[in-house]
N, C-alpha and C. Protein backbone atom coordinates (compact mmCIF):
# COMPACT_ATOMS: atom_id res chain seq x y z
N MET A 1 -47.56 -84.89 -3.62
CA MET A 1 -47.09 -86.15 -4.16
C MET A 1 -47.85 -87.32 -3.54
N VAL A 2 -48.22 -87.22 -2.29
CA VAL A 2 -48.87 -88.32 -1.58
C VAL A 2 -50.23 -88.66 -2.20
N ASN A 3 -50.95 -87.70 -2.71
CA ASN A 3 -52.27 -87.96 -3.27
C ASN A 3 -52.24 -88.28 -4.76
N PHE A 4 -51.07 -88.43 -5.34
CA PHE A 4 -50.96 -88.63 -6.79
C PHE A 4 -51.65 -89.90 -7.25
N ILE A 5 -51.32 -91.03 -6.66
CA ILE A 5 -52.02 -92.29 -6.88
C ILE A 5 -52.05 -93.04 -5.56
N GLU A 6 -52.77 -94.13 -5.50
CA GLU A 6 -53.00 -94.81 -4.23
C GLU A 6 -51.98 -95.88 -3.87
N HIS A 7 -50.89 -96.00 -4.54
CA HIS A 7 -49.88 -96.99 -4.21
C HIS A 7 -48.88 -96.39 -3.23
N PRO A 8 -48.09 -97.26 -2.58
CA PRO A 8 -47.09 -96.74 -1.62
C PRO A 8 -46.15 -95.72 -2.26
N LEU A 9 -45.63 -94.84 -1.45
CA LEU A 9 -44.80 -93.74 -1.92
C LEU A 9 -43.65 -94.17 -2.84
N PRO A 10 -42.91 -95.23 -2.57
CA PRO A 10 -41.82 -95.59 -3.50
C PRO A 10 -42.31 -95.87 -4.92
N PHE A 11 -43.49 -96.49 -5.06
CA PHE A 11 -44.02 -96.75 -6.40
C PHE A 11 -44.43 -95.46 -7.08
N ARG A 12 -45.04 -94.56 -6.33
CA ARG A 12 -45.42 -93.26 -6.89
C ARG A 12 -44.19 -92.48 -7.31
N ARG A 13 -43.17 -92.52 -6.47
CA ARG A 13 -41.93 -91.80 -6.79
C ARG A 13 -41.28 -92.38 -8.05
N MET A 14 -41.36 -93.69 -8.20
CA MET A 14 -40.82 -94.35 -9.39
C MET A 14 -41.54 -93.85 -10.64
N ILE A 15 -42.85 -93.75 -10.58
CA ILE A 15 -43.65 -93.24 -11.71
C ILE A 15 -43.27 -91.80 -12.02
N ILE A 16 -43.18 -90.98 -11.00
CA ILE A 16 -42.85 -89.56 -11.20
C ILE A 16 -41.46 -89.41 -11.78
N LYS A 17 -40.49 -90.18 -11.27
CA LYS A 17 -39.12 -90.11 -11.81
C LYS A 17 -39.11 -90.43 -13.30
N LYS A 18 -39.90 -91.42 -13.71
CA LYS A 18 -39.96 -91.77 -15.12
C LYS A 18 -40.61 -90.66 -15.93
N LEU A 19 -41.70 -90.11 -15.42
CA LEU A 19 -42.43 -89.08 -16.16
C LEU A 19 -41.62 -87.80 -16.36
N VAL A 20 -40.74 -87.49 -15.41
CA VAL A 20 -39.93 -86.27 -15.53
C VAL A 20 -38.53 -86.56 -16.09
N ASN A 21 -38.33 -87.80 -16.56
CA ASN A 21 -37.05 -88.21 -17.14
C ASN A 21 -35.88 -87.99 -16.19
N ASP A 22 -36.07 -88.33 -14.93
CA ASP A 22 -35.01 -88.23 -13.94
C ASP A 22 -33.87 -89.17 -14.33
N PRO A 23 -32.64 -88.69 -14.38
CA PRO A 23 -31.51 -89.55 -14.76
C PRO A 23 -31.26 -90.69 -13.77
N ASN A 24 -31.79 -90.59 -12.57
CA ASN A 24 -31.62 -91.65 -11.57
C ASN A 24 -32.76 -92.66 -11.57
N TYR A 25 -33.67 -92.55 -12.54
CA TYR A 25 -34.82 -93.45 -12.59
C TYR A 25 -34.41 -94.92 -12.60
N GLU A 26 -33.49 -95.29 -13.46
CA GLU A 26 -33.14 -96.71 -13.62
C GLU A 26 -32.59 -97.30 -12.32
N ALA A 27 -31.66 -96.62 -11.69
CA ALA A 27 -31.09 -97.11 -10.43
C ALA A 27 -32.16 -97.16 -9.35
N TYR A 28 -32.98 -96.13 -9.26
CA TYR A 28 -34.02 -96.08 -8.24
C TYR A 28 -35.04 -97.20 -8.46
N SER A 29 -35.50 -97.36 -9.69
CA SER A 29 -36.52 -98.37 -9.96
C SER A 29 -35.98 -99.78 -9.71
N GLN A 30 -34.73 -100.01 -10.07
CA GLN A 30 -34.14 -101.33 -9.82
C GLN A 30 -34.05 -101.59 -8.31
N GLN A 31 -33.68 -100.59 -7.55
CA GLN A 31 -33.61 -100.70 -6.10
C GLN A 31 -34.99 -101.02 -5.51
N ILE A 32 -36.02 -100.38 -6.02
CA ILE A 32 -37.38 -100.61 -5.54
C ILE A 32 -37.81 -102.04 -5.86
N VAL A 33 -37.49 -102.53 -7.04
CA VAL A 33 -37.86 -103.91 -7.41
C VAL A 33 -37.17 -104.90 -6.48
N VAL A 34 -35.88 -104.75 -6.27
CA VAL A 34 -35.13 -105.66 -5.41
C VAL A 34 -35.66 -105.60 -3.97
N ASN A 35 -35.88 -104.40 -3.47
CA ASN A 35 -36.38 -104.23 -2.11
C ASN A 35 -37.77 -104.86 -1.95
N THR A 36 -38.63 -104.63 -2.92
CA THR A 36 -39.99 -105.16 -2.85
C THR A 36 -39.97 -106.69 -2.91
N MET A 37 -39.18 -107.25 -3.78
CA MET A 37 -39.11 -108.71 -3.89
C MET A 37 -38.58 -109.33 -2.60
N SER A 38 -37.65 -108.66 -1.95
CA SER A 38 -37.07 -109.18 -0.71
C SER A 38 -37.98 -109.02 0.49
N ASN A 39 -38.62 -107.85 0.59
CA ASN A 39 -39.36 -107.52 1.80
C ASN A 39 -40.88 -107.61 1.69
N TYR A 40 -41.40 -107.53 0.48
CA TYR A 40 -42.86 -107.55 0.27
C TYR A 40 -43.20 -108.47 -0.89
N PRO A 41 -42.98 -109.76 -0.75
CA PRO A 41 -43.18 -110.68 -1.88
C PRO A 41 -44.59 -110.66 -2.47
N ASP A 42 -45.58 -110.27 -1.67
CA ASP A 42 -46.95 -110.19 -2.19
C ASP A 42 -47.10 -109.11 -3.26
N GLU A 43 -46.22 -108.12 -3.26
CA GLU A 43 -46.29 -107.02 -4.20
C GLU A 43 -45.28 -107.15 -5.34
N SER A 44 -44.55 -108.26 -5.38
CA SER A 44 -43.51 -108.45 -6.39
C SER A 44 -44.04 -108.40 -7.81
N ASP A 45 -45.14 -109.10 -8.07
CA ASP A 45 -45.69 -109.10 -9.43
C ASP A 45 -46.08 -107.69 -9.88
N PHE A 46 -46.67 -106.94 -8.95
CA PHE A 46 -47.08 -105.57 -9.29
C PHE A 46 -45.87 -104.70 -9.65
N VAL A 47 -44.85 -104.71 -8.80
CA VAL A 47 -43.72 -103.81 -9.04
C VAL A 47 -42.95 -104.21 -10.29
N ILE A 48 -42.87 -105.49 -10.59
CA ILE A 48 -42.21 -105.94 -11.81
C ILE A 48 -43.00 -105.48 -13.03
N ALA A 49 -44.32 -105.61 -12.97
CA ALA A 49 -45.17 -105.16 -14.08
C ALA A 49 -45.10 -103.64 -14.23
N LEU A 50 -45.08 -102.93 -13.12
CA LEU A 50 -44.99 -101.47 -13.17
C LEU A 50 -43.69 -101.03 -13.83
N LYS A 51 -42.57 -101.61 -13.41
CA LYS A 51 -41.28 -101.24 -13.99
C LYS A 51 -41.25 -101.57 -15.47
N SER A 52 -41.77 -102.73 -15.83
CA SER A 52 -41.80 -103.11 -17.23
C SER A 52 -42.61 -102.13 -18.06
N LYS A 53 -43.76 -101.73 -17.56
CA LYS A 53 -44.60 -100.77 -18.28
C LYS A 53 -43.91 -99.42 -18.40
N LEU A 54 -43.33 -98.95 -17.29
CA LEU A 54 -42.64 -97.66 -17.33
C LEU A 54 -41.45 -97.70 -18.29
N ASP A 55 -40.70 -98.79 -18.27
CA ASP A 55 -39.54 -98.92 -19.17
C ASP A 55 -39.98 -98.92 -20.63
N SER A 56 -41.17 -99.47 -20.90
CA SER A 56 -41.64 -99.52 -22.28
C SER A 56 -42.06 -98.16 -22.84
N LEU A 57 -42.23 -97.19 -21.95
CA LEU A 57 -42.66 -95.86 -22.37
C LEU A 57 -41.54 -95.08 -23.07
N GLY A 58 -40.31 -95.52 -22.92
CA GLY A 58 -39.19 -94.78 -23.51
C GLY A 58 -38.88 -93.54 -22.69
N SER A 59 -38.07 -92.67 -23.24
CA SER A 59 -37.71 -91.46 -22.48
C SER A 59 -38.18 -90.21 -23.18
């Protein structure tokens, strides 16, 4: 899982959860967005765009 893509593990896990249709994807991704905005404001735009793109993929 670590070598899947070059972003931090929570972002990779968010992508994988979406790709495998994990029922906890929505709660997990929302938690990652809130955490990133609070603790890593430099990455806020990226994580918001990532979640938006993943959400647009449907299930």
